[in-house]
C-alpha cells in the first residue's frame, strides 16, 4: 500500500499558460514524460546494460513511446525535439536508447532543496516572460490577420454592390 501512495505526480497550474498546453498532442507527450520519469534514483536494466537513472529521468525509445502514446514514431520524435527546444527536457542518446531528463524535476515535484526551487522559479519566470513575448507576437499577427480579413470582406462587399448596380443599370436600360 505504501508503494501506491507514491504513484502520483504534481502538475503545476502554470501549465495552463505554457505553450505546451496549446497543442493537445504536445501536451500528451509532455504529461507522458512526467509520468515516465522516475520519482527516485534507481537502476534499470536495458537489454544487458544497467542504466542508472536519477529522479526525473527515464529511458526513452521512439518505437516503445509510439506504441504507448498511440502516435506515429516520427510525430513522437518531433514532439520530443520540441520539448527539448522549449527546455522542458534534455536528451542523451546512444545507438540503442536515450535517457530523457525532465528539467527542474525536483522543483516541480517539490523534492529539491530551497536553492534548487529558487533556481527553478527563476527559470519558470524566464519561461513565462518568453511565453508572454511569444503571445504578444501572436496577438500582433492575429491583429494583422483580422485587419486583412476585414479588408477582404470590404472588397467583397463593394464588389458585390458594384455588380448589383451594374445589373440594375442593365435591367433599367432593358425596360
N, C-alpha and C. Protein backbone atom coordinates (compact mmCIF):
# COMPACT_ATOMS: atom_id res chain seq x y z
N UNK A 1 0.81 -1.19 0.00
CA UNK A 1 0.00 0.00 0.00
C UNK A 1 0.86 1.26 0.00
N UNK A 2 1.98 1.22 0.71
CA UNK A 2 2.86 2.39 0.77
C UNK A 2 3.41 2.73 -0.61
N UNK A 3 3.65 1.73 -1.44
CA UNK A 3 4.17 1.98 -2.79
C UNK A 3 3.14 2.72 -3.64
N UNK A 4 1.86 2.40 -3.47
CA UNK A 4 0.81 3.08 -4.24
C UNK A 4 0.72 4.55 -3.88
N UNK A 5 1.05 4.90 -2.63
CA UNK A 5 0.99 6.30 -2.21
C UNK A 5 1.95 7.17 -3.02
N UNK A 6 3.01 6.60 -3.56
CA UNK A 6 3.97 7.36 -4.34
C UNK A 6 3.66 7.30 -5.84
N UNK A 7 2.53 6.78 -6.18
CA UNK A 7 2.16 6.59 -7.58
C UNK A 7 1.40 7.79 -8.14
N UNK A 8 1.92 8.98 -7.91
CA UNK A 8 1.30 10.19 -8.40
C UNK A 8 2.39 11.21 -8.70
N UNK A 9 2.04 12.30 -9.37
CA UNK A 9 2.97 13.38 -9.60
C UNK A 9 2.23 14.69 -9.50
N UNK A 10 2.97 15.75 -9.29
CA UNK A 10 2.38 17.08 -9.20
C UNK A 10 2.34 17.69 -10.59
N UNK A 11 1.25 18.39 -10.87
CA UNK A 11 1.12 19.11 -12.13
C UNK A 11 0.85 20.56 -11.77
N UNK A 12 1.82 21.42 -12.05
CA UNK A 12 1.72 22.82 -11.69
C UNK A 12 0.69 23.54 -12.56
N UNK A 13 -0.09 24.42 -11.95
CA UNK A 13 -1.12 25.16 -12.70
C UNK A 13 -0.53 26.06 -13.77
N UNK A 14 0.75 26.38 -13.66
CA UNK A 14 1.39 27.23 -14.68
C UNK A 14 1.36 26.57 -16.05
N UNK A 15 1.07 25.30 -16.10
CA UNK A 15 0.98 24.61 -17.39
C UNK A 15 -0.12 25.23 -18.26
N UNK A 16 -1.12 25.82 -17.63
CA UNK A 16 -2.22 26.44 -18.37
C UNK A 16 -1.74 27.62 -19.22
N UNK A 17 -0.67 28.29 -18.79
CA UNK A 17 -0.15 29.42 -19.56
C UNK A 17 1.07 29.02 -20.38
N UNK A 18 1.36 27.74 -20.43
CA UNK A 18 2.52 27.23 -21.16
C UNK A 18 2.19 27.05 -22.64
N UNK A 19 3.18 27.23 -23.48
CA UNK A 19 2.98 26.98 -24.91
C UNK A 19 2.70 25.50 -25.17
N UNK A 20 3.12 24.63 -24.27
CA UNK A 20 2.85 23.19 -24.40
C UNK A 20 1.35 22.93 -24.33
N UNK A 21 0.65 23.69 -23.51
CA UNK A 21 -0.78 23.49 -23.28
C UNK A 21 -1.61 23.76 -24.54
N UNK A 22 -1.09 24.60 -25.43
CA UNK A 22 -1.82 24.98 -26.64
C UNK A 22 -1.91 23.88 -27.68
N UNK A 23 -1.07 22.86 -27.57
CA UNK A 23 -1.05 21.78 -28.55
C UNK A 23 -1.40 20.47 -27.86
N UNK A 24 -2.60 19.92 -28.12
CA UNK A 24 -3.04 18.71 -27.41
C UNK A 24 -2.07 17.54 -27.49
N UNK A 25 -1.48 17.29 -28.65
CA UNK A 25 -0.54 16.16 -28.77
C UNK A 25 0.75 16.42 -28.02
N UNK A 26 1.24 17.66 -28.09
CA UNK A 26 2.46 18.01 -27.36
C UNK A 26 2.20 17.90 -25.86
N UNK A 27 1.04 18.33 -25.42
CA UNK A 27 0.67 18.21 -24.00
C UNK A 27 0.62 16.74 -23.60
N UNK A 28 0.07 15.90 -24.46
CA UNK A 28 0.01 14.47 -24.18
C UNK A 28 1.41 13.89 -24.01
N UNK A 29 2.33 14.26 -24.90
CA UNK A 29 3.70 13.76 -24.83
C UNK A 29 4.39 14.29 -23.56
N UNK A 30 4.14 15.56 -23.22
CA UNK A 30 4.75 16.15 -22.03
C UNK A 30 4.28 15.43 -20.77
N UNK A 31 2.98 15.22 -20.65
CA UNK A 31 2.45 14.53 -19.47
C UNK A 31 2.96 13.09 -19.43
N UNK A 32 3.08 12.46 -20.59
CA UNK A 32 3.65 11.11 -20.66
C UNK A 32 5.08 11.12 -20.10
N UNK A 33 5.86 12.14 -20.47
CA UNK A 33 7.23 12.26 -19.96
C UNK A 33 7.23 12.39 -18.44
N UNK A 34 6.33 13.22 -17.92
CA UNK A 34 6.24 13.39 -16.47
C UNK A 34 5.89 12.08 -15.79
N UNK A 35 5.00 11.32 -16.41
CA UNK A 35 4.59 10.03 -15.83
C UNK A 35 5.69 8.99 -15.92
N UNK A 36 6.48 9.01 -16.98
CA UNK A 36 7.55 8.03 -17.18
C UNK A 36 8.76 8.31 -16.29
N UNK A 37 8.96 9.57 -15.92
CA UNK A 37 10.15 9.94 -15.15
C UNK A 37 10.15 9.24 -13.80
N UNK A 38 11.31 8.76 -13.43
CA UNK A 38 11.48 8.08 -12.15
C UNK A 38 11.31 9.09 -11.01
N UNK A 39 10.65 8.67 -9.95
CA UNK A 39 10.46 9.58 -8.82
C UNK A 39 11.62 9.52 -7.83
N UNK A 40 12.54 8.57 -8.04
CA UNK A 40 13.71 8.46 -7.17
C UNK A 40 14.86 7.87 -7.99
N UNK A 41 16.06 7.98 -7.49
CA UNK A 41 17.22 7.38 -8.15
C UNK A 41 17.05 5.87 -8.16
N UNK A 42 17.40 5.24 -9.28
CA UNK A 42 17.28 3.79 -9.38
C UNK A 42 18.09 3.29 -10.57
N UNK A 43 18.32 1.98 -10.60
CA UNK A 43 18.98 1.34 -11.74
C UNK A 43 17.93 0.61 -12.55
N UNK A 44 18.08 0.68 -13.89
CA UNK A 44 17.15 -0.01 -14.79
C UNK A 44 17.97 -0.84 -15.77
N UNK A 45 17.51 -2.05 -15.98
CA UNK A 45 18.16 -2.94 -16.93
C UNK A 45 17.58 -2.67 -18.32
N UNK A 46 18.45 -2.34 -19.27
CA UNK A 46 18.05 -2.11 -20.66
C UNK A 46 18.86 -3.09 -21.50
N UNK A 47 18.19 -4.13 -22.00
CA UNK A 47 18.91 -5.21 -22.66
C UNK A 47 19.80 -5.88 -21.63
N UNK A 48 21.10 -5.86 -21.84
CA UNK A 48 22.04 -6.44 -20.88
C UNK A 48 22.82 -5.35 -20.15
N UNK A 49 22.39 -4.10 -20.30
CA UNK A 49 23.10 -2.98 -19.71
C UNK A 49 22.29 -2.38 -18.55
N UNK A 50 22.97 -2.12 -17.44
CA UNK A 50 22.34 -1.46 -16.30
C UNK A 50 22.52 0.05 -16.48
N UNK A 51 21.40 0.77 -16.45
CA UNK A 51 21.43 2.22 -16.62
C UNK A 51 20.99 2.86 -15.31
N UNK A 52 21.84 3.74 -14.78
CA UNK A 52 21.48 4.44 -13.55
C UNK A 52 20.62 5.66 -13.92
N UNK A 53 19.44 5.74 -13.33
CA UNK A 53 18.53 6.85 -13.56
C UNK A 53 18.39 7.66 -12.29
N UNK A 54 18.47 8.95 -12.43
CA UNK A 54 18.21 9.83 -11.30
C UNK A 54 16.74 10.21 -11.33
N UNK A 55 16.25 10.78 -10.22
CA UNK A 55 14.87 11.25 -10.18
C UNK A 55 14.66 12.22 -11.34
N UNK A 56 13.56 12.03 -12.07
CA UNK A 56 13.26 12.89 -13.20
C UNK A 56 13.78 12.37 -14.53
N UNK A 57 14.38 11.19 -14.55
CA UNK A 57 14.91 10.62 -15.79
C UNK A 57 14.15 9.34 -16.15
N UNK A 58 14.16 9.03 -17.43
CA UNK A 58 13.61 7.76 -17.90
C UNK A 58 14.29 7.35 -19.19
N UNK A 59 14.24 6.05 -19.45
CA UNK A 59 14.80 5.51 -20.69
C UNK A 59 13.74 5.66 -21.77
N UNK A 60 14.16 6.19 -22.90
CA UNK A 60 13.24 6.51 -24.00
C UNK A 60 13.67 5.81 -25.28
N UNK A 61 12.73 5.17 -25.90
CA UNK A 61 12.91 4.61 -27.22
C UNK A 61 11.72 5.04 -28.06
N UNK A 62 11.98 5.52 -29.24
CA UNK A 62 10.93 6.07 -30.11
C UNK A 62 9.84 5.05 -30.42
N UNK A 63 10.21 3.80 -30.67
CA UNK A 63 9.23 2.78 -31.02
C UNK A 63 8.30 2.47 -29.85
N UNK A 64 8.87 2.25 -28.68
CA UNK A 64 8.06 1.96 -27.50
C UNK A 64 7.17 3.16 -27.15
N UNK A 65 7.72 4.36 -27.25
CA UNK A 65 6.94 5.56 -26.97
C UNK A 65 5.77 5.68 -27.94
N UNK A 66 6.02 5.39 -29.19
CA UNK A 66 4.97 5.44 -30.21
C UNK A 66 3.82 4.48 -29.87
N UNK A 67 4.18 3.28 -29.43
CA UNK A 67 3.16 2.29 -29.06
C UNK A 67 2.37 2.74 -27.83
N UNK A 68 3.07 3.25 -26.82
CA UNK A 68 2.40 3.68 -25.59
C UNK A 68 1.49 4.89 -25.83
N UNK A 69 1.97 5.82 -26.64
CA UNK A 69 1.22 7.06 -26.88
C UNK A 69 0.18 6.92 -28.00
N UNK A 70 0.32 5.83 -28.79
CA UNK A 70 -0.55 5.63 -29.95
C UNK A 70 -0.45 6.82 -30.93
N UNK A 71 0.81 7.20 -31.15
CA UNK A 71 1.16 8.29 -32.06
C UNK A 71 2.30 7.77 -32.94
N UNK A 72 2.32 8.11 -34.24
CA UNK A 72 3.42 7.64 -35.11
C UNK A 72 4.80 8.03 -34.57
N UNK A 73 5.78 7.17 -34.83
CA UNK A 73 7.15 7.38 -34.34
C UNK A 73 7.69 8.75 -34.73
N UNK A 74 7.48 9.14 -35.98
CA UNK A 74 8.02 10.43 -36.44
C UNK A 74 7.40 11.59 -35.66
N UNK A 75 6.13 11.47 -35.31
CA UNK A 75 5.46 12.51 -34.55
C UNK A 75 6.00 12.56 -33.12
N UNK A 76 6.19 11.39 -32.51
CA UNK A 76 6.75 11.34 -31.16
C UNK A 76 8.12 12.00 -31.17
N UNK A 77 8.94 11.66 -32.13
CA UNK A 77 10.28 12.22 -32.24
C UNK A 77 10.22 13.73 -32.40
N UNK A 78 9.33 14.22 -33.24
CA UNK A 78 9.20 15.66 -33.47
C UNK A 78 8.78 16.38 -32.18
N UNK A 79 7.83 15.79 -31.45
CA UNK A 79 7.37 16.43 -30.21
C UNK A 79 8.42 16.36 -29.11
N UNK A 80 9.17 15.28 -29.04
CA UNK A 80 10.26 15.20 -28.05
C UNK A 80 11.32 16.27 -28.36
N UNK A 81 11.61 16.47 -29.63
CA UNK A 81 12.57 17.51 -30.01
C UNK A 81 12.02 18.90 -29.69
N UNK A 82 10.72 19.07 -29.82
CA UNK A 82 10.09 20.36 -29.48
C UNK A 82 10.20 20.61 -27.97
N UNK A 83 9.93 19.58 -27.16
CA UNK A 83 10.07 19.71 -25.71
C UNK A 83 11.52 20.04 -25.34
N UNK A 84 12.45 19.44 -26.08
CA UNK A 84 13.88 19.72 -25.85
C UNK A 84 14.18 21.18 -26.19
N UNK A 85 13.66 21.65 -27.31
CA UNK A 85 13.88 23.03 -27.74
C UNK A 85 13.26 24.03 -26.76
N UNK A 86 12.13 23.66 -26.16
CA UNK A 86 11.46 24.53 -25.19
C UNK A 86 12.15 24.50 -23.82
N UNK A 87 13.08 23.57 -23.63
CA UNK A 87 13.80 23.47 -22.36
C UNK A 87 13.09 22.62 -21.31
N UNK A 88 12.05 21.91 -21.72
CA UNK A 88 11.33 21.04 -20.78
C UNK A 88 12.12 19.77 -20.47
N UNK A 89 12.85 19.26 -21.46
CA UNK A 89 13.61 18.03 -21.28
C UNK A 89 14.99 18.20 -21.91
N UNK A 90 15.91 17.35 -21.49
CA UNK A 90 17.18 17.18 -22.19
C UNK A 90 17.27 15.70 -22.53
N UNK A 91 17.96 15.38 -23.60
CA UNK A 91 18.00 14.00 -24.08
C UNK A 91 19.45 13.62 -24.37
N UNK A 92 19.90 12.52 -23.73
CA UNK A 92 21.22 11.96 -24.02
C UNK A 92 21.00 10.66 -24.76
N UNK A 93 21.57 10.58 -25.94
CA UNK A 93 21.30 9.46 -26.83
C UNK A 93 22.56 8.64 -27.09
N UNK A 94 22.36 7.30 -27.18
CA UNK A 94 23.41 6.44 -27.70
C UNK A 94 22.77 5.63 -28.84
N UNK A 95 23.45 4.62 -29.35
CA UNK A 95 22.91 3.90 -30.51
C UNK A 95 21.79 2.94 -30.17
N UNK A 96 21.47 2.73 -28.88
CA UNK A 96 20.43 1.76 -28.51
C UNK A 96 19.20 2.42 -27.88
N UNK A 97 19.41 3.48 -27.11
CA UNK A 97 18.30 4.14 -26.41
C UNK A 97 18.72 5.55 -26.03
N UNK A 98 17.79 6.27 -25.45
CA UNK A 98 18.08 7.62 -24.95
C UNK A 98 17.64 7.71 -23.50
N UNK A 99 18.30 8.56 -22.77
CA UNK A 99 17.87 8.88 -21.41
C UNK A 99 17.35 10.32 -21.45
N UNK A 100 16.08 10.45 -21.10
CA UNK A 100 15.44 11.76 -21.08
C UNK A 100 15.46 12.27 -19.65
N UNK A 101 15.83 13.51 -19.48
CA UNK A 101 15.79 14.17 -18.18
C UNK A 101 14.74 15.26 -18.22
N UNK A 102 13.76 15.18 -17.33
CA UNK A 102 12.78 16.25 -17.19
C UNK A 102 13.47 17.36 -16.41
N UNK A 103 13.67 18.49 -17.07
CA UNK A 103 14.37 19.61 -16.44
C UNK A 103 13.54 20.14 -15.27
N UNK A 104 14.21 20.52 -14.20
CA UNK A 104 13.57 21.06 -13.00
C UNK A 104 12.62 20.07 -12.33
N UNK A 105 12.88 18.78 -12.50
CA UNK A 105 12.01 17.75 -11.92
C UNK A 105 11.80 17.95 -10.42
N UNK A 106 12.89 18.13 -9.70
CA UNK A 106 12.80 18.27 -8.24
C UNK A 106 12.01 19.52 -7.86
N UNK A 107 12.16 20.58 -8.62
CA UNK A 107 11.40 21.80 -8.34
C UNK A 107 9.91 21.55 -8.53
N UNK A 108 9.54 20.97 -9.66
CA UNK A 108 8.12 20.75 -9.95
C UNK A 108 7.49 19.74 -8.99
N UNK A 109 8.28 18.78 -8.53
CA UNK A 109 7.73 17.77 -7.63
C UNK A 109 7.94 18.14 -6.16
N UNK A 110 8.55 19.29 -5.91
CA UNK A 110 8.69 19.77 -4.55
C UNK A 110 9.68 18.99 -3.70
N UNK A 111 10.63 18.29 -4.35
CA UNK A 111 11.58 17.48 -3.59
C UNK A 111 12.97 18.07 -3.56
N UNK A 112 13.17 19.20 -4.26
CA UNK A 112 14.50 19.78 -4.32
C UNK A 112 14.82 20.63 -3.11
N UNK A 113 16.06 21.09 -3.04
CA UNK A 113 16.47 21.99 -1.98
C UNK A 113 15.87 23.36 -2.24
N UNK A 114 15.93 24.22 -1.23
CA UNK A 114 15.39 25.58 -1.39
C UNK A 114 16.12 26.28 -2.54
N UNK A 115 17.43 26.11 -2.62
CA UNK A 115 18.22 26.70 -3.69
C UNK A 115 17.77 26.20 -5.06
N UNK A 116 17.53 24.88 -5.18
CA UNK A 116 17.06 24.32 -6.45
C UNK A 116 15.69 24.86 -6.81
N UNK A 117 14.80 25.00 -5.80
CA UNK A 117 13.46 25.52 -6.06
C UNK A 117 13.54 26.98 -6.50
N UNK A 118 14.45 27.77 -5.88
CA UNK A 118 14.61 29.17 -6.27
C UNK A 118 15.14 29.26 -7.70
N UNK A 119 16.13 28.42 -8.03
CA UNK A 119 16.66 28.41 -9.40
C UNK A 119 15.56 28.01 -10.37
N UNK A 120 14.76 27.03 -9.98
CA UNK A 120 13.65 26.60 -10.82
C UNK A 120 12.63 27.71 -11.00
N UNK A 121 12.38 28.47 -9.92
CA UNK A 121 11.44 29.58 -10.00
C UNK A 121 11.96 30.64 -10.96
N UNK A 122 13.27 30.92 -10.90
CA UNK A 122 13.85 31.88 -11.83
C UNK A 122 13.71 31.40 -13.26
N UNK A 123 13.94 30.10 -13.49
CA UNK A 123 13.78 29.53 -14.82
C UNK A 123 12.32 29.63 -15.26
N UNK A 124 11.41 29.33 -14.34
CA UNK A 124 9.99 29.39 -14.64
C UNK A 124 9.59 30.82 -15.01
N UNK A 125 10.13 31.83 -14.27
CA UNK A 125 9.86 33.22 -14.58
C UNK A 125 10.37 33.58 -15.96
N UNK A 126 11.56 33.05 -16.30
CA UNK A 126 12.14 33.32 -17.62
C UNK A 126 11.25 32.72 -18.72
N UNK A 127 10.79 31.47 -18.49
CA UNK A 127 9.90 30.83 -19.47
C UNK A 127 8.61 31.63 -19.62
N UNK A 128 8.06 32.08 -18.49
CA UNK A 128 6.82 32.86 -18.54
C UNK A 128 7.03 34.13 -19.34
N UNK A 129 8.15 34.82 -19.10
CA UNK A 129 8.46 36.04 -19.84
C UNK A 129 8.57 35.74 -21.33
N UNK A 130 9.28 34.66 -21.68
CA UNK A 130 9.42 34.29 -23.09
C UNK A 130 8.07 33.95 -23.71
N UNK A 131 7.24 33.21 -22.95
CA UNK A 131 5.93 32.84 -23.47
C UNK A 131 5.04 34.06 -23.66
N UNK A 132 5.14 35.04 -22.73
CA UNK A 132 4.36 36.26 -22.87
C UNK A 132 4.79 37.02 -24.12
N UNK A 133 6.11 37.02 -24.39
CA UNK A 133 6.60 37.68 -25.59
C UNK A 133 6.07 36.99 -26.83
N UNK A 134 6.08 35.63 -26.82
CA UNK A 134 5.54 34.88 -27.96
C UNK A 134 4.06 35.16 -28.11
N UNK A 135 3.32 35.25 -26.98
CA UNK A 135 1.90 35.54 -27.03
C UNK A 135 1.66 36.91 -27.63
N UNK A 136 2.51 37.89 -27.25
CA UNK A 136 2.39 39.24 -27.80
C UNK A 136 2.59 39.20 -29.31
N UNK A 137 3.61 38.47 -29.75
CA UNK A 137 3.86 38.34 -31.18
C UNK A 137 2.68 37.69 -31.89
N UNK A 138 2.07 36.67 -31.24
CA UNK A 138 0.91 36.01 -31.83
C UNK A 138 -0.24 36.99 -31.95
N UNK A 139 -0.42 37.85 -30.91
CA UNK A 139 -1.51 38.82 -30.93
C UNK A 139 -1.31 39.85 -32.03
N UNK A 140 -0.05 40.26 -32.27
CA UNK A 140 0.23 41.20 -33.36
C UNK A 140 -0.14 40.55 -34.68
N UNK A 141 0.28 39.28 -34.88
CA UNK A 141 -0.07 38.57 -36.11
C UNK A 141 -1.58 38.42 -36.23
N UNK A 142 -2.25 38.13 -35.11
CA UNK A 142 -3.70 37.97 -35.13
C UNK A 142 -4.35 39.29 -35.54
N UNK A 143 -3.84 40.41 -35.02
CA UNK A 143 -4.38 41.73 -35.37
C UNK A 143 -4.23 42.00 -36.86
N UNK A 144 -3.07 41.66 -37.43
CA UNK A 144 -2.86 41.83 -38.87
C UNK A 144 -3.81 40.95 -39.65
N UNK A 145 -3.98 39.71 -39.19
CA UNK A 145 -4.85 38.77 -39.88
C UNK A 145 -6.30 39.29 -39.87
N UNK A 146 -6.72 39.81 -38.70
CA UNK A 146 -8.07 40.35 -38.60
C UNK A 146 -8.24 41.56 -39.51
N UNK A 147 -7.21 42.43 -39.59
CA UNK A 147 -7.27 43.61 -40.44
C UNK A 147 -7.37 43.19 -41.91
N UNK A 148 -6.56 42.21 -42.32
CA UNK A 148 -6.63 41.74 -43.70
C UNK A 148 -7.96 41.08 -43.99
N UNK A 149 -8.48 40.35 -43.02
CA UNK A 149 -9.78 39.72 -43.18
C UNK A 149 -10.85 40.77 -43.38
N UNK A 150 -10.79 41.84 -42.60
CA UNK A 150 -11.76 42.94 -42.73
C UNK A 150 -11.64 43.57 -44.11
N UNK A 151 -10.39 43.80 -44.57
CA UNK A 151 -10.17 44.42 -45.88
C UNK A 151 -10.72 43.54 -47.00
N UNK A 152 -10.49 42.22 -46.92
CA UNK A 152 -11.03 41.31 -47.93
C UNK A 152 -12.56 41.36 -47.95
N UNK A 153 -13.15 41.37 -46.77
CA UNK A 153 -14.60 41.41 -46.67
C UNK A 153 -15.15 42.72 -47.23
N UNK A 154 -14.46 43.81 -46.97
CA UNK A 154 -14.88 45.12 -47.50
C UNK A 154 -14.79 45.13 -49.03
N UNK A 155 -13.73 44.56 -49.57
CA UNK A 155 -13.59 44.48 -51.04
C UNK A 155 -14.70 43.63 -51.62
N UNK A 156 -15.01 42.49 -50.99
CA UNK A 156 -16.11 41.65 -51.46
C UNK A 156 -17.43 42.40 -51.43
N UNK A 157 -17.67 43.12 -50.32
CA UNK A 157 -18.93 43.85 -50.17
C UNK A 157 -19.06 44.93 -51.25
N UNK A 158 -17.98 45.68 -51.49
CA UNK A 158 -18.02 46.75 -52.50
C UNK A 158 -18.16 46.17 -53.91
N UNK A 159 -17.45 45.04 -54.15
CA UNK A 159 -17.56 44.40 -55.47
C UNK A 159 -18.99 43.92 -55.71
N UNK A 160 -19.59 43.32 -54.71
CA UNK A 160 -20.96 42.83 -54.82
C UNK A 160 -21.91 43.99 -55.08
N UNK A 161 -21.71 45.11 -54.37
CA UNK A 161 -22.55 46.29 -54.54
C UNK A 161 -22.39 46.85 -55.95
N UNK A 162 -21.15 46.89 -56.44
CA UNK A 162 -20.90 47.41 -57.79
C UNK A 162 -21.56 46.51 -58.83
N UNK A 163 -21.49 45.19 -58.65
CA UNK A 163 -22.15 44.27 -59.59
C UNK A 163 -23.66 44.46 -59.57
N UNK A 164 -24.22 44.65 -58.40
CA UNK A 164 -25.66 44.88 -58.30
C UNK A 164 -26.06 46.15 -59.03
N UNK A 165 -25.24 47.21 -58.88
CA UNK A 165 -25.54 48.47 -59.56
C UNK A 165 -25.47 48.30 -61.08
N UNK A 166 -24.45 47.56 -61.54
CA UNK A 166 -24.32 47.31 -62.99
C UNK A 166 -25.52 46.52 -63.48
N UNK A 167 -25.91 45.48 -62.75
CA UNK A 167 -27.07 44.67 -63.14
C UNK A 167 -28.34 45.50 -63.11
N UNK A 168 -28.48 46.38 -62.14
CA UNK A 168 -29.65 47.24 -62.07
C UNK A 168 -29.70 48.20 -63.26
N UNK A 169 -28.53 48.75 -63.62
CA UNK A 169 -28.46 49.64 -64.77
C UNK A 169 -28.84 48.91 -66.05
N UNK A 170 -28.36 47.70 -66.20
CA UNK A 170 -28.70 46.89 -67.38
C UNK A 170 -30.19 46.59 -67.37
N UNK A 171 -30.69 46.27 -66.20
CA UNK A 171 -32.13 45.97 -66.08
C UNK A 171 -32.97 47.20 -66.39
N UNK A 172 -32.50 48.38 -65.91
CA UNK A 172 -33.23 49.62 -66.15
C UNK A 172 -33.18 49.98 -67.63
N UNK A 173 -32.08 49.70 -68.28
CA UNK A 173 -31.93 50.02 -69.71
C UNK A 173 -32.76 49.12 -70.59
N UNK A 174 -33.13 47.89 -70.13
CA UNK A 174 -33.89 46.96 -70.93
C UNK A 174 -35.39 47.20 -70.82
N UNK A 175 -35.86 48.06 -69.92
CA UNK A 175 -37.29 48.29 -69.74
C UNK A 175 -37.86 49.15 -70.78
